Amino acid sequence: MEVTSKNTGVRVSPRKMRLVVDMVRGRDVDEALALLKFTPNKSAIEVQRTIKAARSDAENVHDLDPDNLYIKRIFADEGPTFKRWRARARGRVNQTLKRTSHLTVVLEEKES
């Protein structure tokens, strides 16, 4: 049985989040959480939070064994982009794009 958890509107660009997501794809949940604990990225905290939410949902709602779970699918899609303006010299402006991400984690129980 698959358990899905989503974290939308994360204030990290999807490109930066995909670096962390690629690191934990296909791993056991406990192994992935241990790896993320020592990863010095802002996005690692958000990925860790989403995996913990999916694990707790699997344990409490779907009655699955949390030690038998692995990350079947995980991906970071692009969310809305905030557009901000900054004053520059001679009356001009530069646009700053503040990108956001939608993170989706799908856990499944190992077959044994």
PDB file of N, CA and C in Angstrom:
ATOM      1  N   MET A   1       0.831  -1.178   0.000  1.00  0.00           N
ATOM      2  CA  MET A   1       0.000   0.000   0.000  1.00  0.00           C
ATOM      3  C   MET A   1       0.880   1.248   0.000  1.00  0.00           C
ATOM      4  N   GLU A   2       0.520   2.195  -0.821  1.00  0.00           N
ATOM      5  CA  GLU A   2       1.277   3.445  -0.924  1.00  0.00           C
ATOM      6  C   GLU A   2       0.722   4.491   0.025  1.00  0.00           C
ATOM      7  N   VAL A   3       1.629   5.255   0.621  1.00  0.00           N
ATOM      8  CA  VAL A   3       1.256   6.367   1.491  1.00  0.00           C
ATOM      9  C   VAL A   3       1.903   7.619   0.915  1.00  0.00           C
ATOM     10  N   THR A   4       1.092   8.651   0.688  1.00  0.00           N
ATOM     11  CA  THR A   4       1.575   9.879   0.056  1.00  0.00           C
ATOM     12  C   THR A   4       1.513  11.041   1.044  1.00  0.00           C
ATOM     13  N   SER A   5       2.526  11.889   0.995  1.00  0.00           N
ATOM     14  CA  SER A   5       2.552  13.110   1.783  1.00  0.00           C
ATOM     15  C   SER A   5       3.068  14.236   0.896  1.00  0.00           C
ATOM     16  N   LYS A   6       2.429  15.406   0.994  1.00  0.00           N
ATOM     17  CA  LYS A   6       2.819  16.554   0.171  1.00  0.00           C
ATOM     18  C   LYS A   6       3.142  17.754   1.050  1.00  0.00           C
ATOM     19  N   ASN A   7       4.110  18.520   0.608  1.00  0.00           N
ATOM     20  CA  ASN A   7       4.487  19.765   1.260  1.00  0.00           C
ATOM     21  C   ASN A   7       4.523  20.822   0.160  1.00  0.00           C
ATOM     22  N   THR A   8       3.554  21.727   0.164  1.00  0.00           N
ATOM     23  CA  THR A   8       3.436  22.687  -0.930  1.00  0.00           C
ATOM     24  C   THR A   8       3.910  24.066  -0.499  1.00  0.00           C
ATOM     25  N   GLY A   9       4.399  24.813  -1.470  1.00  0.00           N
ATOM     26  CA  GLY A   9       4.807  26.190  -1.226  1.00  0.00           C
ATOM     27  C   GLY A   9       6.063  26.335  -0.398  1.00  0.00           C
ATOM     28  N   VAL A  10       6.983  25.402  -0.524  1.00  0.00           N
ATOM     29  CA  VAL A  10       8.243  25.465   0.223  1.00  0.00           C
ATOM     30  C   VAL A  10       9.116  26.541  -0.396  1.00  0.00           C
ATOM     31  N   ARG A  11       9.686  27.414   0.420  1.00  0.00           N
ATOM     32  CA  ARG A  11      10.453  28.554  -0.088  1.00  0.00           C
ATOM     33  C   ARG A  11      11.899  28.180  -0.429  1.00  0.00           C
ATOM     34  N   VAL A  12      12.048  27.135  -1.225  1.00  0.00           N
ATOM     35  CA  VAL A  12      13.336  26.705  -1.766  1.00  0.00           C
ATOM     36  C   VAL A  12      13.096  26.446  -3.243  1.00  0.00           C
ATOM     37  N   SER A  13      14.046  26.825  -4.077  1.00  0.00           N
ATOM     38  CA  SER A  13      13.852  26.602  -5.506  1.00  0.00           C
ATOM     39  C   SER A  13      13.863  25.102  -5.795  1.00  0.00           C
ATOM     40  N   PRO A  14      13.081  24.668  -6.786  1.00  0.00           N
ATOM     41  CA  PRO A  14      13.024  23.240  -7.085  1.00  0.00           C
ATOM     42  C   PRO A  14      14.364  22.664  -7.523  1.00  0.00           C
ATOM     43  N   ARG A  15      15.166  23.474  -8.166  1.00  0.00           N
ATOM     44  CA  ARG A  15      16.482  23.006  -8.618  1.00  0.00           C
ATOM     45  C   ARG A  15      17.370  22.626  -7.433  1.00  0.00           C
ATOM     46  N   LYS A  16      17.326  23.428  -6.373  1.00  0.00           N
ATOM     47  CA  LYS A  16      18.125  23.136  -5.185  1.00  0.00           C
ATOM     48  C   LYS A  16      17.537  21.964  -4.407  1.00  0.00           C
ATOM     49  N   MET A  17      16.208  21.866  -4.397  1.00  0.00           N
ATOM     50  CA  MET A  17      15.568  20.777  -3.665  1.00  0.00           C
ATOM     51  C   MET A  17      15.802  19.436  -4.348  1.00  0.00           C
ATOM     52  N   ARG A  18      15.883  19.421  -5.667  1.00  0.00           N
ATOM     53  CA  ARG A  18      16.092  18.164  -6.399  1.00  0.00           C
ATOM     54  C   ARG A  18      17.449  17.541  -6.086  1.00  0.00           C
ATOM     55  N   LEU A  19      18.452  18.348  -5.717  1.00  0.00           N
ATOM     56  CA  LEU A  19      19.746  17.805  -5.325  1.00  0.00           C
ATOM     57  C   LEU A  19      19.613  16.912  -4.101  1.00  0.00           C
ATOM     58  N   VAL A  20      18.800  17.327  -3.142  1.00  0.00           N
ATOM     59  CA  VAL A  20      18.590  16.554  -1.918  1.00  0.00           C
ATOM     60  C   VAL A  20      17.651  15.379  -2.189  1.00  0.00           C
ATOM     61  N   VAL A  21      16.624  15.606  -2.991  1.00  0.00           N
ATOM     62  CA  VAL A  21      15.635  14.569  -3.289  1.00  0.00           C
ATOM     63  C   VAL A  21      16.292  13.388  -4.002  1.00  0.00           C
ATOM     64  N   ASP A  22      17.201  13.664  -4.934  1.00  0.00           N
ATOM     65  CA  ASP A  22      17.885  12.602  -5.665  1.00  0.00           C
ATOM     66  C   ASP A  22      18.760  11.749  -4.743  1.00  0.00           C
ATOM     67  N   MET A  23      19.198  12.348  -3.640  1.00  0.00           N
ATOM     68  CA  MET A  23      20.067  11.657  -2.705  1.00  0.00           C
ATOM     69  C   MET A  23      19.329  10.568  -1.921  1.00  0.00           C
ATOM     70  N   VAL A  24      18.032  10.756  -1.656  1.00  0.00           N
ATOM     71  CA  VAL A  24      17.292   9.822  -0.803  1.00  0.00           C
ATOM     72  C   VAL A  24      16.325   8.928  -1.568  1.00  0.00           C
ATOM     73  N   ARG A  25      16.174   9.118  -2.855  1.00  0.00           N
ATOM     74  CA  ARG A  25      15.218   8.325  -3.639  1.00  0.00           C
ATOM     75  C   ARG A  25      15.579   6.843  -3.601  1.00  0.00           C
ATOM     76  N   GLY A  26      14.594   5.992  -3.289  1.00  0.00           N
ATOM     77  CA  GLY A  26      14.779   4.549  -3.280  1.00  0.00           C
ATOM     78  C   GLY A  26      15.343   3.978  -1.989  1.00  0.00           C
ATOM     79  N   ARG A  27      15.677   4.796  -1.023  1.00  0.00           N
ATOM     80  CA  ARG A  27      16.277   4.315   0.224  1.00  0.00           C
ATOM     81  C   ARG A  27      15.211   3.959   1.258  1.00  0.00           C
ATOM     82  N   ASP A  28      15.643   3.217   2.292  1.00  0.00           N
ATOM     83  CA  ASP A  28      14.770   2.970   3.442  1.00  0.00           C
ATOM     84  C   ASP A  28      14.508   4.291   4.144  1.00  0.00           C
ATOM     85  N   VAL A  29      13.377   4.379   4.825  1.00  0.00           N
ATOM     86  CA  VAL A  29      13.000   5.637   5.479  1.00  0.00           C
ATOM     87  C   VAL A  29      14.000   5.999   6.571  1.00  0.00           C
ATOM     88  N   ASP A  30      14.382   5.030   7.404  1.00  0.00           N
ATOM     89  CA  ASP A  30      15.331   5.327   8.489  1.00  0.00           C
ATOM     90  C   ASP A  30      16.690   5.747   7.951  1.00  0.00           C
ATOM     91  N   GLU A  31      17.138   5.099   6.889  1.00  0.00           N
ATOM     92  CA  GLU A  31      18.418   5.445   6.271  1.00  0.00           C
ATOM     93  C   GLU A  31      18.367   6.851   5.660  1.00  0.00           C
ATOM     94  N   ALA A  32      17.243   7.171   5.024  1.00  0.00           N
ATOM     95  CA  ALA A  32      17.092   8.497   4.412  1.00  0.00           C
ATOM     96  C   ALA A  32      17.066   9.593   5.474  1.00  0.00           C
ATOM     97  N   LEU A  33      16.366   9.349   6.582  1.00  0.00           N
ATOM     98  CA  LEU A  33      16.302  10.350   7.650  1.00  0.00           C
ATOM     99  C   LEU A  33      17.674  10.559   8.290  1.00  0.00           C
ATOM    100  N   ALA A  34      18.449   9.488   8.448  1.00  0.00           N
ATOM    101  CA  ALA A  34      19.802   9.616   8.995  1.00  0.00           C
ATOM    102  C   ALA A  34      20.699  10.406   8.052  1.00  0.00           C
ATOM    103  N   LEU A  35      20.535  10.186   6.751  1.00  0.00           N
ATOM    104  CA  LEU A  35      21.321  10.908   5.759  1.00  0.00           C
ATOM    105  C   LEU A  35      20.961  12.398   5.743  1.00  0.00           C
ATOM    106  N   LEU A  36      19.658  12.686   5.833  1.00  0.00           N
ATOM    107  CA  LEU A  36      19.205  14.075   5.797  1.00  0.00           C
ATOM    108  C   LEU A  36      19.580  14.851   7.053  1.00  0.00           C
ATOM    109  N   LYS A  37      19.731  14.143   8.154  1.00  0.00           N
ATOM    110  CA  LYS A  37      20.070  14.803   9.419  1.00  0.00           C
ATOM    111  C   LYS A  37      21.411  15.535   9.327  1.00  0.00           C
ATOM    112  N   PHE A  38      22.336  14.986   8.527  1.00  0.00           N
ATOM    113  CA  PHE A  38      23.672  15.574   8.416  1.00  0.00           C
ATOM    114  C   PHE A  38      23.897  16.286   7.090  1.00  0.00           C
ATOM    115  N   THR A  39      22.829  16.572   6.358  1.00  0.00           N
ATOM    116  CA  THR A  39      22.944  17.307   5.106  1.00  0.00           C
ATOM    117  C   THR A  39      22.722  18.793   5.387  1.00  0.00           C
ATOM    118  N   PRO A  40      23.695  19.655   5.092  1.00  0.00           N
ATOM    119  CA  PRO A  40      23.592  21.059   5.477  1.00  0.00           C
ATOM    120  C   PRO A  40      22.844  21.926   4.455  1.00  0.00           C
ATOM    121  N   ASN A  41      21.619  21.547   4.107  1.00  0.00           N
ATOM    122  CA  ASN A  41      20.813  22.339   3.181  1.00  0.00           C
ATOM    123  C   ASN A  41      19.507  22.721   3.838  1.00  0.00           C
ATOM    124  N   LYS A  42      18.969  23.851   3.438  1.00  0.00           N
ATOM    125  CA  LYS A  42      17.651  24.257   3.925  1.00  0.00           C
ATOM    126  C   LYS A  42      16.592  23.274   3.428  1.00  0.00           C
ATOM    127  N   SER A  43      16.767  22.783   2.225  1.00  0.00           N
ATOM    128  CA  SER A  43      15.781  21.870   1.660  1.00  0.00           C
ATOM    129  C   SER A  43      15.809  20.508   2.354  1.00  0.00           C
ATOM    130  N   ALA A  44      16.925  20.124   2.959  1.00  0.00           N
ATOM    131  CA  ALA A  44      17.007  18.844   3.668  1.00  0.00           C
ATOM    132  C   ALA A  44      16.049  18.817   4.852  1.00  0.00           C
ATOM    133  N   ILE A  45      15.859  19.951   5.495  1.00  0.00           N
ATOM    134  CA  ILE A  45      14.931  20.041   6.625  1.00  0.00           C
ATOM    135  C   ILE A  45      13.498  19.817   6.150  1.00  0.00           C
ATOM    136  N   GLU A  46      13.146  20.409   5.020  1.00  0.00           N
ATOM    137  CA  GLU A  46      11.791  20.252   4.487  1.00  0.00           C
ATOM    138  C   GLU A  46      11.534  18.829   3.997  1.00  0.00           C
ATOM    139  N   VAL A  47      12.526  18.214   3.354  1.00  0.00           N
ATOM    140  CA  VAL A  47      12.385  16.831   2.890  1.00  0.00           C
ATOM    141  C   VAL A  47      12.248  15.903   4.089  1.00  0.00           C
ATOM    142  N   GLN A  48      13.061  16.135   5.115  1.00  0.00           N
ATOM    143  CA  GLN A  48      13.000  15.328   6.332  1.00  0.00           C
ATOM    144  C   GLN A  48      11.633  15.451   6.997  1.00  0.00           C
ATOM    145  N   ARG A  49      11.098  16.646   7.066  1.00  0.00           N
ATOM    146  CA  ARG A  49       9.795  16.884   7.677  1.00  0.00           C
ATOM    147  C   ARG A  49       8.682  16.159   6.921  1.00  0.00           C
ATOM    148  N   THR A  50       8.751  16.161   5.604  1.00  0.00           N
ATOM    149  CA  THR A  50       7.728  15.509   4.781  1.00  0.00           C
ATOM    150  C   THR A  50       7.820  13.992   4.888  1.00  0.00           C
ATOM    151  N   ILE A  51       9.029  13.448   4.930  1.00  0.00           N
ATOM    152  CA  ILE A  51       9.192  11.996   5.075  1.00  0.00           C
ATOM    153  C   ILE A  51       8.684  11.541   6.440  1.00  0.00           C
ATOM    154  N   LYS A  52       8.963  12.318   7.486  1.00  0.00           N
ATOM    155  CA  LYS A  52       8.463  11.965   8.822  1.00  0.00           C
ATOM    156  C   LYS A  52       6.938  11.984   8.866  1.00  0.00           C
ATOM    157  N   ALA A  53       6.332  12.943   8.176  1.00  0.00           N
ATOM    158  CA  ALA A  53       4.869  13.031   8.136  1.00  0.00           C
ATOM    159  C   ALA A  53       4.276  11.818   7.420  1.00  0.00           C
ATOM    160  N   ALA A  54       4.901  11.403   6.321  1.00  0.00           N
ATOM    161  CA  ALA A  54       4.413  10.235   5.586  1.00  0.00           C
ATOM    162  C   ALA A  54       4.593   8.965   6.408  1.00  0.00           C
ATOM    163  N   ARG A  55       5.720   8.862   7.117  1.00  0.00           N
ATOM    164  CA  ARG A  55       5.961   7.675   7.950  1.00  0.00           C
ATOM    165  C   ARG A  55       4.945   7.585   9.079  1.00  0.00           C
ATOM    166  N   SER A  56       4.668   8.706   9.720  1.00  0.00           N
ATOM    167  CA  SER A  56       3.704   8.690  10.812  1.00  0.00           C
ATOM    168  C   SER A  56       2.294   8.420  10.300  1.00  0.00           C
ATOM    169  N   ASP A  57       1.976   8.902   9.109  1.00  0.00           N
ATOM    170  CA  ASP A  57       0.673   8.625   8.491  1.00  0.00           C
ATOM    171  C   ASP A  57       0.542   7.128   8.176  1.00  0.00           C
ATOM    172  N   ALA A  58       1.614   6.528   7.696  1.00  0.00           N
ATOM    173  CA  ALA A  58       1.603   5.094   7.379  1.00  0.00           C
ATOM    174  C   ALA A  58       1.410   4.258   8.643  1.00  0.00           C
ATOM    175  N   GLU A  59       2.041   4.707   9.718  1.00  0.00           N
ATOM    176  CA  GLU A  59       1.968   3.955  10.974  1.00  0.00           C
ATOM    177  C   GLU A  59       0.615   4.109  11.653  1.00  0.00           C
ATOM    178  N   ASN A  60       0.104   5.321  11.738  1.00  0.00           N
ATOM    179  CA  ASN A  60      -1.094   5.585  12.526  1.00  0.00           C
ATOM    180  C   ASN A  60      -2.400   5.413  11.763  1.00  0.00           C
ATOM    181  N   VAL A  61      -2.408   5.725  10.482  1.00  0.00           N
ATOM    182  CA  VAL A  61      -3.647   5.659   9.709  1.00  0.00           C
ATOM    183  C   VAL A  61      -3.786   4.325   8.983  1.00  0.00           C
ATOM    184  N   HIS A  62      -2.684   3.874   8.353  1.00  0.00           N
ATOM    185  CA  HIS A  62      -2.761   2.686   7.514  1.00  0.00           C
ATOM    186  C   HIS A  62      -2.245   1.417   8.199  1.00  0.00           C
ATOM    187  N   ASP A  63      -1.804   1.499   9.455  1.00  0.00           N
ATOM    188  CA  ASP A  63      -1.317   0.364  10.249  1.00  0.00           C
ATOM    189  C   ASP A  63      -0.190  -0.408   9.553  1.00  0.00           C
ATOM    190  N   LEU A  64       0.763   0.326   8.983  1.00  0.00           N
ATOM    191  CA  LEU A  64       1.930  -0.299   8.360  1.00  0.00           C
ATOM    192  C   LEU A  64       3.100  -0.260   9.338  1.00  0.00           C
ATOM    193  N   ASP A  65       4.027  -1.197   9.184  1.00  0.00           N
ATOM    194  CA  ASP A  65       5.212  -1.247  10.034  1.00  0.00           C
ATOM    195  C   ASP A  65       6.198  -0.168   9.576  1.00  0.00           C
ATOM    196  N   PRO A  66       6.541   0.801  10.433  1.00  0.00           N
ATOM    197  CA  PRO A  66       7.428   1.889   9.998  1.00  0.00           C
ATOM    198  C   PRO A  66       8.850   1.432   9.681  1.00  0.00           C
ATOM    199  N   ASP A  67       9.262   0.256  10.197  1.00  0.00           N
ATOM    200  CA  ASP A  67      10.615  -0.239   9.916  1.00  0.00           C
ATOM    201  C   ASP A  67      10.712  -0.882   8.537  1.00  0.00           C
ATOM    202  N   ASN A  68       9.577  -1.187   7.914  1.00  0.00           N
ATOM    203  CA  ASN A  68       9.557  -1.853   6.611  1.00  0.00           C
ATOM    204  C   ASN A  68       9.284  -0.902   5.456  1.00  0.00           C
ATOM    205  N   LEU A  69       9.312   0.394   5.684  1.00  0.00           N
ATOM    206  CA  LEU A  69       8.968   1.364   4.643  1.00  0.00           C
ATOM    207  C   LEU A  69      10.202   1.816   3.873  1.00  0.00           C
ATOM    208  N   TYR A  70       9.994   2.081   2.597  1.00  0.00           N
ATOM    209  CA  TYR A  70      11.046   2.684   1.777  1.00  0.00           C
ATOM    210  C   TYR A  70      10.420   3.774   0.903  1.00  0.00           C
ATOM    211  N   ILE A  71      11.262   4.648   0.369  1.00  0.00           N
ATOM    212  CA  ILE A  71      10.796   5.760  -0.452  1.00  0.00           C
ATOM    213  C   ILE A  71      10.645   5.257  -1.883  1.00  0.00           C
ATOM    214  N   LYS A  72       9.407   5.053  -2.297  1.00  0.00           N
ATOM    215  CA  LYS A  72       9.142   4.542  -3.637  1.00  0.00           C
ATOM    216  C   LYS A  72       9.324   5.644  -4.675  1.00  0.00           C
ATOM    217  N   ARG A  73       8.692   6.793  -4.425  1.00  0.00           N
ATOM    218  CA  ARG A  73       8.814   7.942  -5.324  1.00  0.00           C
ATOM    219  C   ARG A  73       8.951   9.196  -4.483  1.00  0.00           C
ATOM    220  N   ILE A  74       9.761  10.111  -4.960  1.00  0.00           N
ATOM    221  CA  ILE A  74       9.888  11.427  -4.321  1.00  0.00           C
ATOM    222  C   ILE A  74      10.282  12.414  -5.416  1.00  0.00           C
ATOM    223  N   PHE A  75       9.583  13.537  -5.466  1.00  0.00           N
ATOM    224  CA  PHE A  75       9.905  14.521  -6.492  1.00  0.00           C
ATOM    225  C   PHE A  75       9.538  15.921  -6.025  1.00  0.00           C
ATOM    226  N   ALA A  76      10.235  16.894  -6.600  1.00  0.00           N
ATOM    227  CA  ALA A  76      10.019  18.310  -6.286  1.00  0.00           C
ATOM    228  C   ALA A  76       9.585  19.017  -7.565  1.00  0.00           C
ATOM    229  N   ASP A  77       8.365  19.503  -7.562  1.00  0.00           N
ATOM    230  CA  ASP A  77       7.843  20.252  -8.700  1.00  0.00           C
ATOM    231  C   ASP A  77       7.923  21.742  -8.412  1.00  0.00           C
ATOM    232  N   GLU A  78       7.790  22.522  -9.472  1.00  0.00           N
ATOM    233  CA  GLU A  78       7.851  23.976  -9.336  1.00  0.00           C
ATOM    234  C   GLU A  78       6.521  24.521  -8.837  1.00  0.00           C
ATOM    235  N   GLY A  79       6.587  25.396  -7.844  1.00  0.00           N
ATOM    236  CA  GLY A  79       5.403  26.062  -7.325  1.00  0.00           C
ATOM    237  C   GLY A  79       5.315  27.463  -7.886  1.00  0.00           C
ATOM    238  N   PRO A  80       4.468  28.299  -7.293  1.00  0.00           N
ATOM    239  CA  PRO A  80       4.361  29.677  -7.777  1.00  0.00           C
ATOM    240  C   PRO A  80       5.649  30.463  -7.514  1.00  0.00           C
ATOM    241  N   THR A  81       5.930  31.411  -8.393  1.00  0.00           N
ATOM    242  CA  THR A  81       7.112  32.253  -8.272  1.00  0.00           C
ATOM    243  C   THR A  81       6.691  33.646  -7.842  1.00  0.00           C
ATOM    244  N   PHE A  82       7.310  34.136  -6.761  1.00  0.00           N
ATOM    245  CA  PHE A  82       7.040  35.493  -6.303  1.00  0.00           C
ATOM    246  C   PHE A  82       7.959  36.436  -7.067  1.00  0.00           C
ATOM    247  N   LYS A  83       7.412  37.521  -7.599  1.00  0.00           N
ATOM    248  CA  LYS A  83       8.203  38.474  -8.368  1.00  0.00           C
ATOM    249  C   LYS A  83       8.388  39.744  -7.541  1.00  0.00           C
ATOM    250  N   ARG A  84       9.633  40.087  -7.280  1.00  0.00           N
ATOM    251  CA  ARG A  84       9.971  41.267  -6.494  1.00  0.00           C
ATOM    252  C   ARG A  84      10.842  42.182  -7.341  1.00  0.00           C
ATOM    253  N   TRP A  85      10.782  43.485  -7.036  1.00  0.00           N
ATOM    254  CA  TRP A  85      11.516  44.486  -7.794  1.00  0.00           C
ATOM    255  C   TRP A  85      12.503  45.190  -6.888  1.00  0.00           C
ATOM    256  N   ARG A  86      13.676  45.505  -7.446  1.00  0.00           N
ATOM    257  CA  ARG A  86      14.716  46.182  -6.689  1.00  0.00           C
ATOM    258  C   ARG A  86      15.209  47.388  -7.493  1.00  0.00           C
ATOM    259  N   ALA A  87      15.309  48.523  -6.829  1.00  0.00           N
ATOM    260  CA  ALA A  87      15.751  49.746  -7.493  1.00  0.00           C
ATOM    261  C   ALA A  87      17.233  49.647  -7.851  1.00  0.00           C
ATOM    262  N   ARG A  88      17.552  50.109  -9.054  1.00  0.00           N
ATOM    263  CA  ARG A  88      18.926  50.129  -9.527  1.00  0.00           C
ATOM    264  C   ARG A  88      19.299  51.560  -9.934  1.00  0.00           C
ATOM    265  N   ALA A  89      20.483  51.722 -10.452  1.00  0.00           N
ATOM    266  CA  ALA A  89      20.985  53.049 -10.801  1.00  0.00           C
ATOM    267  C   ALA A  89      20.208  53.648 -11.976  1.00  0.00           C
ATOM    268  N   ARG A  90      20.176  54.979 -12.016  1.00  0.00           N
ATOM    269  CA  ARG A  90      19.589  55.751 -13.108  1.00  0.00           C
ATOM    270  C   ARG A  90      18.100  55.447 -13.305  1.00  0.00           C
ATOM    271  N   GLY A  91      17.398  55.189 -12.241  1.00  0.00           N
ATOM    272  CA  GLY A  91      15.942  55.031 -12.309  1.00  0.00           C
ATOM    273  C   GLY A  91      15.461  53.713 -12.887  1.00  0.00           C
ATOM    274  N   ARG A  92      16.315  52.734 -12.934  1.00  0.00           N
ATOM    275  CA  ARG A  92      15.920  51.437 -13.499  1.00  0.00           C
ATOM    276  C   ARG A  92      15.619  50.442 -12.375  1.00  0.00           C
ATOM    277  N   VAL A  93      15.094  49.283 -12.772  1.00  0.00           N
ATOM    278  CA  VAL A  93      14.789  48.252 -11.780  1.00  0.00           C
ATOM    279  C   VAL A  93      15.297  46.896 -12.271  1.00  0.00           C
ATOM    280  N   ASN A  94      15.560  46.012 -11.325  1.00  0.00           N
ATOM    281  CA  ASN A  94      15.864  44.614 -11.611  1.00  0.00           C
ATOM    282  C   ASN A  94      14.779  43.757 -10.979  1.00  0.00           C
ATOM    283  N   GLN A  95      14.406  42.704 -11.672  1.00  0.00           N
ATOM    284  CA  GLN A  95      13.406  41.797 -11.140  1.00  0.00           C
ATOM    285  C   GLN A  95      14.099  40.630 -10.434  1.00  0.00           C
ATOM    286  N   THR A  96      13.622  40.296  -9.240  1.00  0.00           N
ATOM    287  CA  THR A  96      14.114  39.149  -8.499  1.00  0.00           C
ATOM    288  C   THR A  96      12.999  38.121  -8.439  1.00  0.00           C
ATOM    289  N   LEU A  97      13.304  36.885  -8.835  1.00  0.00           N
ATOM    290  CA  LEU A  97      12.323  35.807  -8.809  1.00  0.00           C
ATOM    291  C   LEU A  97      12.570  34.949  -7.575  1.00  0.00           C
ATOM    292  N   LYS A  98      11.584  34.868  -6.701  1.00  0.00           N
ATOM    293  CA  LYS A  98      11.682  34.043  -5.496  1.00  0.00           C
ATOM    294  C   LYS A  98      10.871  32.786  -5.762  1.00  0.00           C
ATOM    295  N   ARG A  99      11.567  31.701  -6.040  1.00  0.00           N
ATOM    296  CA  ARG A  99      10.917  30.471  -6.470  1.00  0.00           C
ATOM    297  C   ARG A  99      10.484  29.610  -5.285  1.00  0.00           C
ATOM    298  N   THR A 100       9.411  28.827  -5.503  1.00  0.00           N
ATOM    299  CA  THR A 100       8.914  27.903  -4.488  1.00  0.00           C
ATOM    300  C   THR A 100       8.776  26.511  -5.095  1.00  0.00           C
ATOM    301  N   SER A 101       8.617  25.515  -4.219  1.00  0.00           N
ATOM    302  CA  SER A 101       8.543  24.127  -4.653  1.00  0.00           C
ATOM    303  C   SER A 101       7.342  23.430  -4.036  1.00  0.00           C
ATOM    304  N   HIS A 102       6.902  22.373  -4.706  1.00  0.00           N
ATOM    305  CA  HIS A 102       5.921  21.444  -4.157  1.00  0.00           C
ATOM    306  C   HIS A 102       6.631  20.099  -4.045  1.00  0.00           C
ATOM    307  N   LEU A 103       6.739  19.584  -2.826  1.00  0.00           N
ATOM    308  CA  LEU A 103       7.431  18.321  -2.583  1.00  0.00           C
ATOM    309  C   LEU A 103       6.410  17.209  -2.365  1.00  0.00           C
ATOM    310  N   THR A 104       6.588  16.070  -3.029  1.00  0.00           N
ATOM    311  CA  THR A 104       5.702  14.920  -2.886  1.00  0.00           C
ATOM    312  C   THR A 104       6.540  13.691  -2.554  1.00  0.00           C
ATOM    313  N   VAL A 105       6.121  12.962  -1.503  1.00  0.00           N
ATOM    314  CA  VAL A 105       6.813  11.756  -1.067  1.00  0.00           C
ATOM    315  C   VAL A 105       5.819  10.604  -1.081  1.00  0.00           C
ATOM    316  N   VAL A 106       6.194   9.486  -1.704  1.00  0.00           N
ATOM    317  CA  VAL A 106       5.361   8.278  -1.726  1.00  0.00           C
ATOM    318  C   VAL A 106       6.161   7.155  -1.084  1.00  0.00           C
ATOM    319  N   LEU A 107       5.630   6.622   0.031  1.00  0.00           N
ATOM    320  CA  LEU A 107       6.270   5.510   0.727  1.00  0.00           C
ATOM    321  C   LEU A 107       5.501   4.233   0.445  1.00  0.00           C
ATOM    322  N   GLU A 108       6.231   3.120   0.468  1.00  0.00           N
ATOM    323  CA  GLU A 108       5.584   1.826   0.312  1.00  0.00           C
ATOM    324  C   GLU A 108       6.291   0.809   1.203  1.00  0.00           C
ATOM    325  N   GLU A 109       5.530  -0.210   1.600  1.00  0.00           N
ATOM    326  CA  GLU A 109       6.087  -1.254   2.451  1.00  0.00           C
ATOM    327  C   GLU A 109       6.861  -2.257   1.601  1.00  0.00           C
ATOM    328  N   LYS A 110       8.010  -2.701   2.122  1.00  0.00           N
ATOM    329  CA  LYS A 110       8.822  -3.681   1.416  1.00  0.00           C
ATOM    330  C   LYS A 110       8.109  -5.027   1.410  1.00  0.00           C
ATOM    331  N   GLU A 111       8.202  -5.720   0.298  1.00  0.00           N
ATOM    332  CA  GLU A 111       7.640  -7.070   0.216  1.00  0.00           C
ATOM    333  C   GLU A 111       8.690  -8.064   0.671  1.00  0.00           C
ATOM    334  N   SER A 112       8.299  -8.958   1.585  1.00  0.00           N
ATOM    335  CA  SER A 112       9.277  -9.945   2.072  1.00  0.00           C
ATOM    336  C   SER A 112       8.682 -11.331   2.108  1.00  0.00           C
TER     337      SER A 112
END
